[in-house]
N, C-alpha and C. Protein backbone atom coordinates (compact mmCIF):
# COMPACT_ATOMS: atom_id res chain seq x y z
N MET A 1 -28.19 32.62 43.58
CA MET A 1 -29.34 31.83 43.90
C MET A 1 -30.31 31.76 42.70
N SER A 2 -31.13 30.70 42.61
CA SER A 2 -32.04 30.51 41.51
C SER A 2 -33.26 29.83 41.97
N ARG A 3 -34.42 30.51 41.76
CA ARG A 3 -35.69 29.84 42.07
C ARG A 3 -35.78 29.38 43.52
N GLY A 4 -35.23 30.08 44.46
CA GLY A 4 -35.26 29.66 45.83
C GLY A 4 -34.26 28.60 46.24
N VAL A 5 -33.36 28.15 45.31
CA VAL A 5 -32.32 27.22 45.57
C VAL A 5 -31.05 27.97 45.99
N ASN A 6 -30.41 27.55 47.11
CA ASN A 6 -29.14 28.09 47.55
C ASN A 6 -28.06 27.18 47.12
N TYR A 7 -27.26 27.56 46.13
CA TYR A 7 -26.10 26.75 45.71
C TYR A 7 -24.92 27.13 46.58
N ILE A 8 -24.33 26.13 47.23
CA ILE A 8 -23.33 26.34 48.30
C ILE A 8 -22.06 25.59 47.93
N GLY A 9 -21.01 26.35 47.58
CA GLY A 9 -19.71 25.77 47.37
C GLY A 9 -19.22 25.15 48.62
N LEU A 10 -18.83 23.87 48.63
CA LEU A 10 -18.40 23.15 49.79
C LEU A 10 -17.07 22.41 49.47
N ASP A 11 -16.05 22.61 50.33
CA ASP A 11 -14.78 22.00 50.13
C ASP A 11 -14.10 21.72 51.46
N PHE A 12 -13.45 20.54 51.51
CA PHE A 12 -12.62 20.18 52.66
C PHE A 12 -11.19 19.85 52.21
N GLU A 13 -10.26 20.23 53.02
CA GLU A 13 -8.94 19.67 52.94
C GLU A 13 -8.84 18.64 54.11
N THR A 14 -8.19 17.49 53.83
CA THR A 14 -8.32 16.40 54.76
C THR A 14 -6.91 15.73 55.00
N SER A 15 -6.85 14.92 56.03
CA SER A 15 -5.59 14.25 56.33
C SER A 15 -5.32 13.03 55.42
N GLY A 16 -6.32 12.64 54.67
CA GLY A 16 -6.20 11.47 53.82
C GLY A 16 -7.28 11.48 52.77
N SER A 17 -7.46 10.36 52.11
CA SER A 17 -8.36 10.34 50.96
C SER A 17 -9.67 9.56 51.14
N ASP A 18 -9.86 8.90 52.29
CA ASP A 18 -11.03 8.08 52.50
C ASP A 18 -11.89 8.72 53.59
N PRO A 19 -13.04 9.29 53.23
CA PRO A 19 -13.86 9.93 54.25
C PRO A 19 -14.46 9.06 55.31
N TRP A 20 -14.58 7.75 55.02
CA TRP A 20 -15.09 6.79 55.95
C TRP A 20 -14.02 5.84 56.48
N GLY A 21 -12.75 6.22 56.23
CA GLY A 21 -11.60 5.42 56.71
C GLY A 21 -10.95 6.20 57.83
N THR A 22 -9.62 6.43 57.72
CA THR A 22 -8.85 7.08 58.76
C THR A 22 -8.71 8.60 58.51
N ALA A 23 -9.21 9.10 57.38
CA ALA A 23 -9.02 10.56 57.08
C ALA A 23 -9.96 11.38 57.94
N VAL A 24 -9.41 12.54 58.35
CA VAL A 24 -10.19 13.49 59.17
C VAL A 24 -10.16 14.86 58.46
N PRO A 25 -11.17 15.68 58.63
CA PRO A 25 -11.14 17.03 58.03
C PRO A 25 -10.21 17.93 58.78
N ILE A 26 -9.42 18.76 58.03
CA ILE A 26 -8.49 19.68 58.67
C ILE A 26 -8.76 21.11 58.23
N GLN A 27 -9.55 21.30 57.21
CA GLN A 27 -9.95 22.68 56.80
C GLN A 27 -11.25 22.60 56.03
N ILE A 28 -12.14 23.54 56.33
CA ILE A 28 -13.44 23.57 55.61
C ILE A 28 -13.63 24.95 54.98
N GLY A 29 -14.16 24.97 53.78
CA GLY A 29 -14.57 26.21 53.11
C GLY A 29 -15.97 26.11 52.61
N ILE A 30 -16.73 27.19 52.80
CA ILE A 30 -18.14 27.27 52.35
C ILE A 30 -18.31 28.64 51.67
N ALA A 31 -18.86 28.62 50.46
CA ALA A 31 -19.07 29.82 49.73
C ALA A 31 -20.48 29.84 49.17
N LEU A 32 -21.15 31.02 49.22
CA LEU A 32 -22.51 31.13 48.74
C LEU A 32 -22.58 31.87 47.43
N ASP A 33 -23.57 31.49 46.65
CA ASP A 33 -23.77 32.13 45.36
C ASP A 33 -24.63 33.35 45.55
N LYS A 34 -23.97 34.39 46.14
CA LYS A 34 -24.65 35.65 46.44
C LYS A 34 -23.76 36.82 45.98
N PRO A 35 -24.34 37.96 45.74
CA PRO A 35 -23.55 39.09 45.19
C PRO A 35 -22.37 39.50 46.00
N ASP A 36 -22.43 39.45 47.36
CA ASP A 36 -21.29 39.89 48.16
C ASP A 36 -20.34 38.74 48.47
N ASP A 37 -20.51 37.62 47.80
CA ASP A 37 -19.56 36.50 47.95
C ASP A 37 -19.24 36.07 49.38
N PRO A 38 -20.26 35.82 50.20
CA PRO A 38 -19.98 35.44 51.57
C PRO A 38 -19.27 34.08 51.62
N THR A 39 -18.23 34.01 52.48
CA THR A 39 -17.37 32.81 52.54
C THR A 39 -17.04 32.47 53.94
N PHE A 40 -17.07 31.27 54.31
CA PHE A 40 -16.66 30.78 55.64
C PHE A 40 -15.46 29.89 55.45
N MET A 41 -14.42 30.05 56.31
CA MET A 41 -13.29 29.15 56.35
C MET A 41 -12.83 28.89 57.75
N SER A 42 -12.41 27.73 58.07
CA SER A 42 -11.80 27.44 59.35
C SER A 42 -10.88 26.22 59.23
N TYR A 43 -9.73 26.28 59.85
CA TYR A 43 -8.90 25.11 60.09
C TYR A 43 -9.59 24.25 61.19
N ILE A 44 -9.29 22.97 61.21
CA ILE A 44 -9.93 22.04 62.14
C ILE A 44 -8.80 21.27 62.84
N GLY A 45 -8.72 21.45 64.15
CA GLY A 45 -7.64 20.77 64.95
C GLY A 45 -8.23 19.83 65.97
N GLY A 46 -7.39 19.66 67.00
CA GLY A 46 -7.88 18.75 68.09
C GLY A 46 -7.69 17.30 67.87
N TRP A 47 -6.99 16.91 66.76
CA TRP A 47 -6.85 15.49 66.51
C TRP A 47 -5.69 14.92 67.24
N ASN A 48 -5.69 13.68 67.60
CA ASN A 48 -4.59 13.01 68.21
C ASN A 48 -3.79 12.28 67.13
N TRP A 49 -2.70 12.92 66.77
CA TRP A 49 -1.94 12.35 65.62
C TRP A 49 -1.17 11.09 65.96
N ASN A 50 -1.18 10.68 67.23
CA ASN A 50 -0.69 9.37 67.60
C ASN A 50 -1.63 8.27 67.23
N GLU A 51 -2.90 8.62 67.14
CA GLU A 51 -3.93 7.64 66.84
C GLU A 51 -4.47 7.81 65.41
N THR A 52 -4.38 9.08 64.85
CA THR A 52 -4.96 9.37 63.58
C THR A 52 -3.78 9.46 62.54
N PRO A 53 -3.82 8.59 61.52
CA PRO A 53 -2.74 8.59 60.52
C PRO A 53 -2.71 9.94 59.79
N TRP A 54 -1.46 10.35 59.46
CA TRP A 54 -1.23 11.59 58.70
C TRP A 54 -0.65 11.21 57.39
N ASP A 55 -1.31 11.55 56.31
CA ASP A 55 -0.90 11.20 54.95
C ASP A 55 0.04 12.28 54.41
N GLU A 56 1.31 12.01 54.25
CA GLU A 56 2.28 12.97 53.79
C GLU A 56 2.03 13.35 52.36
N GLU A 57 1.47 12.46 51.53
CA GLU A 57 1.13 12.81 50.14
C GLU A 57 0.01 13.88 50.09
N SER A 58 -0.96 13.74 51.02
CA SER A 58 -2.04 14.75 51.13
C SER A 58 -1.45 16.06 51.59
N GLU A 59 -0.53 16.08 52.54
CA GLU A 59 0.10 17.31 52.99
C GLU A 59 0.84 18.01 51.89
N ALA A 60 1.50 17.22 50.99
CA ALA A 60 2.19 17.77 49.91
C ALA A 60 1.28 18.55 48.97
N VAL A 61 0.00 18.16 48.91
CA VAL A 61 -0.97 18.82 48.06
C VAL A 61 -1.53 20.04 48.77
N HIS A 62 -2.10 19.92 49.99
CA HIS A 62 -2.75 21.03 50.64
C HIS A 62 -1.78 21.93 51.43
N LYS A 63 -0.60 21.44 51.75
CA LYS A 63 0.45 22.22 52.41
C LYS A 63 -0.01 22.76 53.83
N ILE A 64 -0.92 22.09 54.41
CA ILE A 64 -1.31 22.40 55.81
C ILE A 64 -0.56 21.52 56.74
N THR A 65 0.11 22.10 57.74
CA THR A 65 0.97 21.33 58.67
C THR A 65 0.30 21.06 59.96
N LYS A 66 0.83 20.10 60.64
CA LYS A 66 0.28 19.81 62.00
C LYS A 66 0.49 20.98 62.92
N GLU A 67 1.54 21.78 62.69
CA GLU A 67 1.79 22.96 63.51
C GLU A 67 0.64 23.98 63.34
N VAL A 68 0.20 24.17 62.10
CA VAL A 68 -0.90 25.09 61.86
C VAL A 68 -2.17 24.59 62.59
N LEU A 69 -2.36 23.26 62.58
CA LEU A 69 -3.61 22.72 63.20
C LEU A 69 -3.50 22.67 64.71
N SER A 70 -2.34 22.84 65.26
CA SER A 70 -2.17 22.68 66.71
C SER A 70 -2.99 23.73 67.49
N THR A 71 -3.27 24.89 66.90
CA THR A 71 -4.03 25.95 67.57
C THR A 71 -5.44 26.07 66.98
N ALA A 72 -5.82 25.22 66.08
CA ALA A 72 -7.13 25.31 65.47
C ALA A 72 -8.22 24.69 66.38
N PRO A 73 -9.44 25.16 66.27
CA PRO A 73 -10.49 24.60 67.10
C PRO A 73 -10.87 23.21 66.73
N PRO A 74 -11.40 22.38 67.63
CA PRO A 74 -11.77 21.05 67.28
C PRO A 74 -13.00 20.96 66.39
N VAL A 75 -13.25 19.85 65.82
CA VAL A 75 -14.31 19.72 64.80
C VAL A 75 -15.65 20.07 65.30
N TRP A 76 -15.97 19.75 66.60
CA TRP A 76 -17.30 20.02 67.13
C TRP A 76 -17.56 21.50 67.20
N VAL A 77 -16.49 22.30 67.50
CA VAL A 77 -16.65 23.75 67.58
C VAL A 77 -16.81 24.36 66.17
N VAL A 78 -16.01 23.85 65.22
CA VAL A 78 -16.12 24.31 63.81
C VAL A 78 -17.50 23.97 63.27
N ASP A 79 -18.03 22.83 63.62
CA ASP A 79 -19.32 22.41 63.16
C ASP A 79 -20.41 23.43 63.59
N ILE A 80 -20.39 23.81 64.87
CA ILE A 80 -21.35 24.77 65.38
C ILE A 80 -21.16 26.16 64.71
N HIS A 81 -19.95 26.57 64.50
CA HIS A 81 -19.65 27.88 63.89
C HIS A 81 -20.16 27.88 62.43
N ALA A 82 -19.85 26.79 61.74
CA ALA A 82 -20.18 26.72 60.29
C ALA A 82 -21.67 26.71 60.10
N ALA A 83 -22.40 25.87 60.95
CA ALA A 83 -23.84 25.81 60.83
C ALA A 83 -24.48 27.14 61.20
N SER A 84 -24.02 27.77 62.27
CA SER A 84 -24.56 29.05 62.72
C SER A 84 -24.32 30.12 61.65
N TRP A 85 -23.15 30.14 61.02
CA TRP A 85 -22.84 31.12 59.99
C TRP A 85 -23.77 30.93 58.79
N LEU A 86 -23.99 29.67 58.40
CA LEU A 86 -24.85 29.40 57.26
C LEU A 86 -26.29 29.82 57.50
N ILE A 87 -26.77 29.50 58.68
CA ILE A 87 -28.18 29.88 59.03
C ILE A 87 -28.31 31.40 59.12
N GLU A 88 -27.32 32.03 59.74
CA GLU A 88 -27.39 33.47 59.78
C GLU A 88 -27.31 34.17 58.43
N THR A 89 -26.47 33.62 57.54
CA THR A 89 -26.26 34.25 56.26
C THR A 89 -27.44 33.99 55.29
N LEU A 90 -27.99 32.74 55.35
CA LEU A 90 -29.12 32.42 54.45
C LEU A 90 -30.47 32.87 55.08
N GLY A 91 -30.56 33.00 56.39
CA GLY A 91 -31.81 33.32 57.09
C GLY A 91 -32.36 32.09 57.70
N SER A 92 -32.90 32.25 58.87
CA SER A 92 -33.41 31.12 59.65
C SER A 92 -34.55 30.40 58.94
N HIS A 93 -35.22 31.07 57.96
CA HIS A 93 -36.34 30.46 57.25
C HIS A 93 -35.88 29.52 56.16
N SER A 94 -34.56 29.44 55.91
CA SER A 94 -34.06 28.65 54.78
C SER A 94 -34.42 27.16 54.96
N ASN A 95 -34.87 26.56 53.87
CA ASN A 95 -35.26 25.11 53.81
C ASN A 95 -34.03 24.36 53.49
N ARG A 96 -33.58 23.38 54.34
CA ARG A 96 -32.40 22.62 54.09
C ARG A 96 -32.39 21.92 52.78
N MET A 97 -33.54 21.46 52.30
CA MET A 97 -33.56 20.75 51.05
C MET A 97 -33.27 21.64 49.83
N ARG A 98 -33.21 22.96 50.05
CA ARG A 98 -32.85 23.87 49.00
C ARG A 98 -31.41 24.34 49.11
N ASN A 99 -30.70 23.88 50.15
CA ASN A 99 -29.33 24.27 50.34
C ASN A 99 -28.42 23.17 49.71
N ILE A 100 -28.11 23.36 48.46
CA ILE A 100 -27.45 22.33 47.64
C ILE A 100 -25.93 22.48 47.59
N PRO A 101 -25.15 21.60 48.17
CA PRO A 101 -23.71 21.68 48.06
C PRO A 101 -23.23 21.49 46.64
N VAL A 102 -22.19 22.26 46.25
CA VAL A 102 -21.66 22.21 44.90
C VAL A 102 -20.14 22.01 44.98
N GLY A 103 -19.63 21.14 44.07
CA GLY A 103 -18.20 20.94 44.00
C GLY A 103 -17.86 19.79 43.11
N TRP A 104 -16.56 19.52 42.98
CA TRP A 104 -16.02 18.38 42.26
C TRP A 104 -16.09 17.13 43.19
N ASN A 105 -16.89 16.18 42.81
CA ASN A 105 -17.09 14.95 43.64
C ASN A 105 -17.55 15.32 45.00
N VAL A 106 -18.39 16.38 45.10
CA VAL A 106 -18.79 16.88 46.38
C VAL A 106 -19.66 15.85 47.18
N GLY A 107 -20.51 15.10 46.47
CA GLY A 107 -21.36 14.14 47.14
C GLY A 107 -20.60 12.97 47.66
N GLY A 108 -19.63 12.50 46.88
CA GLY A 108 -18.88 11.31 47.26
C GLY A 108 -17.73 11.56 48.23
N PHE A 109 -17.33 12.84 48.34
CA PHE A 109 -16.19 13.17 49.23
C PHE A 109 -16.57 14.17 50.29
N ASP A 110 -16.68 15.40 49.91
CA ASP A 110 -16.84 16.50 50.90
C ASP A 110 -18.12 16.30 51.74
N ARG A 111 -19.24 16.02 51.07
CA ARG A 111 -20.50 15.84 51.84
C ARG A 111 -20.39 14.73 52.88
N GLN A 112 -19.55 13.70 52.55
CA GLN A 112 -19.40 12.57 53.49
C GLN A 112 -18.71 12.98 54.79
N PHE A 113 -17.78 13.97 54.74
CA PHE A 113 -17.14 14.45 55.96
C PHE A 113 -18.18 15.19 56.81
N VAL A 114 -19.06 15.91 56.17
CA VAL A 114 -20.13 16.58 56.91
C VAL A 114 -21.01 15.55 57.61
N THR A 115 -21.42 14.55 56.92
CA THR A 115 -22.26 13.48 57.52
C THR A 115 -21.59 12.81 58.70
N ARG A 116 -20.33 12.59 58.56
CA ARG A 116 -19.61 11.80 59.58
C ARG A 116 -19.23 12.65 60.80
N TRP A 117 -18.81 13.96 60.54
CA TRP A 117 -18.17 14.68 61.62
C TRP A 117 -18.96 15.96 62.06
N MET A 118 -19.94 16.40 61.29
CA MET A 118 -20.57 17.65 61.57
C MET A 118 -22.08 17.59 61.61
N PRO A 119 -22.66 17.14 62.72
CA PRO A 119 -24.11 16.93 62.80
C PRO A 119 -24.96 18.20 62.64
N ASN A 120 -24.42 19.32 63.11
CA ASN A 120 -25.18 20.56 63.01
C ASN A 120 -25.20 21.08 61.60
N LEU A 121 -24.07 21.04 60.93
CA LEU A 121 -24.06 21.46 59.53
C LEU A 121 -24.81 20.49 58.68
N ASN A 122 -24.77 19.21 59.04
CA ASN A 122 -25.52 18.21 58.28
C ASN A 122 -26.99 18.49 58.28
N ARG A 123 -27.50 19.08 59.31
CA ARG A 123 -28.95 19.40 59.39
C ARG A 123 -29.31 20.63 58.59
N VAL A 124 -28.34 21.39 58.17
CA VAL A 124 -28.58 22.60 57.39
C VAL A 124 -28.44 22.34 55.87
N LEU A 125 -27.63 21.33 55.49
CA LEU A 125 -27.41 21.07 54.10
C LEU A 125 -28.30 19.98 53.56
N SER A 126 -28.64 20.09 52.29
CA SER A 126 -29.45 19.07 51.63
C SER A 126 -28.51 17.85 51.35
N TYR A 127 -29.19 16.69 51.30
CA TYR A 127 -28.47 15.48 50.81
C TYR A 127 -28.31 15.50 49.28
N ARG A 128 -29.10 16.29 48.63
CA ARG A 128 -28.89 16.49 47.19
C ARG A 128 -27.61 17.29 46.99
N THR A 129 -26.87 16.99 45.95
CA THR A 129 -25.60 17.72 45.64
C THR A 129 -25.53 17.98 44.16
N LEU A 130 -24.76 19.00 43.79
CA LEU A 130 -24.52 19.32 42.41
C LEU A 130 -23.02 19.02 42.17
N ASP A 131 -22.75 17.89 41.53
CA ASP A 131 -21.39 17.44 41.20
C ASP A 131 -20.97 18.09 39.90
N LEU A 132 -19.92 18.93 39.92
CA LEU A 132 -19.44 19.60 38.76
C LEU A 132 -18.91 18.59 37.67
N ASN A 133 -18.41 17.45 38.13
CA ASN A 133 -18.00 16.42 37.15
C ASN A 133 -19.23 15.98 36.27
N SER A 134 -20.41 15.84 36.97
CA SER A 134 -21.59 15.43 36.23
C SER A 134 -21.99 16.44 35.26
N MET A 135 -21.87 17.75 35.66
CA MET A 135 -22.20 18.85 34.71
C MET A 135 -21.29 18.76 33.47
N VAL A 136 -20.01 18.51 33.72
CA VAL A 136 -19.07 18.44 32.60
C VAL A 136 -19.40 17.23 31.69
N MET A 137 -19.73 16.05 32.34
CA MET A 137 -20.07 14.86 31.53
C MET A 137 -21.30 15.10 30.71
N ALA A 138 -22.28 15.88 31.19
CA ALA A 138 -23.48 16.12 30.42
C ALA A 138 -23.12 16.84 29.12
N HIS A 139 -22.09 17.67 29.11
CA HIS A 139 -21.67 18.36 27.89
C HIS A 139 -20.76 17.46 27.04
N ALA A 140 -19.85 16.73 27.73
CA ALA A 140 -18.80 15.98 27.03
C ALA A 140 -19.40 14.68 26.47
N GLN A 141 -20.44 14.18 27.07
CA GLN A 141 -21.07 12.93 26.73
C GLN A 141 -20.02 11.80 26.81
N ASP A 142 -19.71 11.13 25.71
CA ASP A 142 -18.79 9.97 25.81
C ASP A 142 -17.33 10.28 25.35
N SER A 143 -17.02 11.59 25.33
CA SER A 143 -15.67 11.97 24.90
C SER A 143 -14.83 12.36 26.06
N LEU A 144 -13.79 11.54 26.39
CA LEU A 144 -12.83 11.87 27.49
C LEU A 144 -12.06 13.11 27.16
N ALA A 145 -11.67 13.28 25.89
CA ALA A 145 -10.95 14.55 25.52
C ALA A 145 -11.81 15.75 25.79
N ALA A 146 -13.08 15.70 25.43
CA ALA A 146 -13.99 16.84 25.67
C ALA A 146 -14.14 17.09 27.16
N PHE A 147 -14.24 15.98 27.95
CA PHE A 147 -14.35 16.11 29.44
C PHE A 147 -13.19 16.82 29.99
N ARG A 148 -11.96 16.44 29.55
CA ARG A 148 -10.79 17.10 30.09
C ARG A 148 -10.67 18.55 29.67
N SER A 149 -11.04 18.83 28.43
CA SER A 149 -11.02 20.21 27.96
C SER A 149 -11.97 21.11 28.62
N ILE A 150 -13.24 20.62 28.79
CA ILE A 150 -14.24 21.46 29.47
C ILE A 150 -13.87 21.72 30.91
N LYS A 151 -13.44 20.63 31.63
CA LYS A 151 -13.07 20.78 33.01
C LYS A 151 -11.92 21.74 33.19
N GLY A 152 -10.92 21.61 32.29
CA GLY A 152 -9.82 22.52 32.42
C GLY A 152 -10.15 23.95 32.14
N ASP A 153 -11.08 24.18 31.18
CA ASP A 153 -11.50 25.52 30.88
C ASP A 153 -12.33 26.13 32.05
N ALA A 154 -13.15 25.29 32.67
CA ALA A 154 -13.96 25.79 33.80
C ALA A 154 -13.03 26.20 34.98
N LYS A 155 -12.00 25.36 35.26
CA LYS A 155 -11.08 25.71 36.30
C LYS A 155 -10.25 26.94 35.93
N ALA A 156 -9.83 27.03 34.70
CA ALA A 156 -9.07 28.21 34.28
C ALA A 156 -9.85 29.49 34.42
N HIS A 157 -11.17 29.40 34.13
CA HIS A 157 -12.05 30.56 34.29
C HIS A 157 -12.06 31.06 35.76
N ALA A 158 -12.27 30.05 36.68
CA ALA A 158 -12.29 30.42 38.09
C ALA A 158 -10.95 30.94 38.54
N ASN A 159 -9.87 30.29 38.11
CA ASN A 159 -8.52 30.71 38.52
C ASN A 159 -8.28 32.14 38.12
N SER A 160 -8.69 32.55 36.91
CA SER A 160 -8.43 33.89 36.44
C SER A 160 -9.17 34.95 37.29
N ILE A 161 -10.37 34.58 37.72
CA ILE A 161 -11.15 35.55 38.56
C ILE A 161 -10.59 35.60 39.95
N LEU A 162 -10.16 34.47 40.51
CA LEU A 162 -9.66 34.41 41.86
C LEU A 162 -8.18 34.72 41.98
N ASN A 163 -7.53 35.01 40.85
CA ASN A 163 -6.10 35.33 40.83
C ASN A 163 -5.28 34.17 41.44
N VAL A 164 -5.59 32.99 41.06
CA VAL A 164 -4.90 31.80 41.57
C VAL A 164 -3.54 31.75 40.89
N THR A 165 -2.49 31.60 41.71
CA THR A 165 -1.13 31.46 41.18
C THR A 165 -0.49 30.24 41.90
N GLU A 166 0.80 30.02 41.56
CA GLU A 166 1.53 28.91 42.20
C GLU A 166 1.64 29.10 43.69
N THR A 167 1.76 30.35 44.15
CA THR A 167 1.91 30.62 45.59
C THR A 167 0.52 30.77 46.26
N ARG A 168 -0.48 31.14 45.47
CA ARG A 168 -1.85 31.28 46.06
C ARG A 168 -2.73 30.31 45.24
N GLY A 169 -2.49 29.02 45.48
CA GLY A 169 -3.05 28.00 44.62
C GLY A 169 -4.39 27.38 45.13
N ARG A 170 -4.81 26.45 44.35
CA ARG A 170 -6.00 25.70 44.76
C ARG A 170 -5.57 24.75 45.87
N HIS A 171 -6.49 23.93 46.35
CA HIS A 171 -6.32 23.12 47.54
C HIS A 171 -6.25 23.94 48.79
N ASP A 172 -6.87 25.11 48.72
CA ASP A 172 -7.23 25.85 49.91
C ASP A 172 -8.76 25.81 49.92
N ALA A 173 -9.37 25.37 51.08
CA ALA A 173 -10.76 25.06 51.07
C ALA A 173 -11.65 26.26 50.70
N ALA A 174 -11.27 27.44 51.21
CA ALA A 174 -12.07 28.63 50.95
C ALA A 174 -12.00 29.00 49.48
N ILE A 175 -10.80 28.93 48.87
CA ILE A 175 -10.68 29.29 47.43
C ILE A 175 -11.40 28.26 46.58
N ASP A 176 -11.26 26.94 46.89
CA ASP A 176 -11.93 25.94 46.12
C ASP A 176 -13.48 26.00 46.25
N ALA A 177 -13.95 26.39 47.44
CA ALA A 177 -15.42 26.52 47.55
C ALA A 177 -15.94 27.67 46.75
N ARG A 178 -15.22 28.79 46.77
CA ARG A 178 -15.55 29.98 45.90
C ARG A 178 -15.47 29.61 44.41
N ALA A 179 -14.37 28.88 44.08
CA ALA A 179 -14.18 28.46 42.71
C ALA A 179 -15.33 27.57 42.21
N ALA A 180 -15.85 26.73 43.08
CA ALA A 180 -16.96 25.84 42.68
C ALA A 180 -18.16 26.62 42.19
N ILE A 181 -18.44 27.73 42.82
CA ILE A 181 -19.59 28.55 42.41
C ILE A 181 -19.30 29.18 41.05
N LEU A 182 -18.09 29.68 40.91
CA LEU A 182 -17.70 30.27 39.57
C LEU A 182 -17.72 29.24 38.48
N GLU A 183 -17.24 28.07 38.74
CA GLU A 183 -17.24 27.01 37.73
C GLU A 183 -18.63 26.53 37.40
N MET A 184 -19.53 26.44 38.37
CA MET A 184 -20.89 26.12 38.15
C MET A 184 -21.55 27.10 37.21
N ARG A 185 -21.32 28.40 37.48
CA ARG A 185 -21.95 29.46 36.63
C ARG A 185 -21.34 29.35 35.21
N TRP A 186 -20.07 29.12 35.08
CA TRP A 186 -19.47 29.02 33.77
C TRP A 186 -20.04 27.83 32.96
N LEU A 187 -20.17 26.73 33.66
CA LEU A 187 -20.73 25.53 33.00
C LEU A 187 -22.18 25.72 32.59
N TRP A 188 -22.95 26.47 33.38
CA TRP A 188 -24.33 26.75 33.01
C TRP A 188 -24.37 27.57 31.72
N GLY A 189 -23.35 28.35 31.47
CA GLY A 189 -23.34 29.22 30.30
C GLY A 189 -22.93 28.59 29.01
N LEU A 190 -22.49 27.29 29.03
CA LEU A 190 -22.07 26.62 27.85
C LEU A 190 -23.26 26.26 26.97
N SER A 191 -23.02 26.41 25.65
CA SER A 191 -23.96 25.82 24.71
C SER A 191 -23.72 24.37 24.54
N ASP A 192 -24.59 23.65 23.84
CA ASP A 192 -24.47 22.22 23.72
C ASP A 192 -24.70 21.88 22.24
N PRO A 193 -23.75 21.30 21.56
CA PRO A 193 -22.51 20.71 22.05
C PRO A 193 -21.42 21.78 22.32
N TYR A 194 -20.45 21.48 23.17
CA TYR A 194 -19.42 22.46 23.50
C TYR A 194 -18.36 22.49 22.47
N SER A 195 -17.84 23.75 22.26
CA SER A 195 -16.70 23.92 21.42
C SER A 195 -15.65 24.73 22.13
N PRO A 196 -14.40 24.27 22.14
CA PRO A 196 -13.35 25.01 22.86
C PRO A 196 -13.21 26.48 22.39
N GLU A 197 -13.61 26.75 21.16
CA GLU A 197 -13.50 28.09 20.66
C GLU A 197 -14.43 29.08 21.38
N GLU A 198 -15.39 28.53 22.09
CA GLU A 198 -16.30 29.42 22.87
C GLU A 198 -15.56 30.19 23.90
N GLU A 199 -14.52 29.64 24.40
CA GLU A 199 -13.73 30.31 25.46
C GLU A 199 -12.80 31.34 24.89
N SER A 200 -13.41 32.30 24.20
CA SER A 200 -12.67 33.43 23.64
C SER A 200 -11.50 33.04 22.76
N GLY A 201 -11.64 31.93 22.04
CA GLY A 201 -10.58 31.49 21.14
C GLY A 201 -9.41 30.86 21.84
N ARG A 202 -9.52 30.65 23.20
CA ARG A 202 -8.38 30.08 23.91
C ARG A 202 -8.17 28.59 23.49
N GLU A 203 -6.92 28.19 23.44
CA GLU A 203 -6.63 26.81 23.06
C GLU A 203 -7.23 25.87 24.08
N PRO A 204 -7.70 24.64 23.67
CA PRO A 204 -8.22 23.68 24.69
C PRO A 204 -7.17 23.36 25.69
N SER A 205 -7.59 23.09 26.92
CA SER A 205 -6.68 22.74 27.96
C SER A 205 -6.00 21.44 27.76
N THR A 206 -4.84 21.29 28.33
CA THR A 206 -4.12 19.99 28.28
C THR A 206 -4.80 19.03 29.27
N PRO A 207 -4.62 17.76 29.10
CA PRO A 207 -5.21 16.81 30.08
C PRO A 207 -4.78 17.08 31.48
N GLU A 208 -3.47 17.51 31.66
CA GLU A 208 -2.97 17.75 33.02
C GLU A 208 -3.70 18.84 33.73
N ALA A 209 -4.33 19.75 32.94
CA ALA A 209 -5.02 20.91 33.58
C ALA A 209 -6.38 20.49 34.07
N ALA A 210 -6.86 19.27 33.72
CA ALA A 210 -8.16 18.86 34.11
C ALA A 210 -8.18 17.42 34.58
N GLU A 211 -7.38 17.17 35.62
CA GLU A 211 -7.28 15.80 36.11
C GLU A 211 -8.67 15.29 36.50
N LEU A 212 -8.85 13.99 36.36
CA LEU A 212 -10.12 13.38 36.78
C LEU A 212 -10.14 13.35 38.25
N GLY A 213 -11.42 13.55 38.80
CA GLY A 213 -11.52 13.52 40.29
C GLY A 213 -12.23 14.68 40.81
């Protein structure tokens, strides 16, 4: 936390890619920028898959199956639990305008699922968001190569701390929410202009390691 602001890693895994279309949230992760790394995670079930489209391409990424979701609580229950957890962890005195969601495209994607499906959590989180892509762009300026390199290095930093591997990978909402806080802190520590050599002499990341989005 900094100057009374609560930076909150927020991530959803979803059934599709359009938060205001047919996609629904199927997993939520929330992580706080606090010394004891408090983290909330829940799968979200209760969807009628006869009426709600299921995107197999999305499933190939997050690897969450309908079978896993069959026993998960519905979204309205998860909403209450997530909001209650956040209020209890931050303190009932917390000002929502200081509770800033953090993530990659968090305002355009993850925050939209909160607005649409989670009215209780929506009342706890600020509409202001900290998009990590914007932080990277502020350093990279007009260089796409620098953008890809910085983003890849930020993710590699978080992966090394979280021990992310092929079997324990990203696209788990809890891991991605915690990673967002680590990546935010790493990006804060960059000098301007950025030089890949700052990352302990590590070679710049390949474009594939820092996909746009």
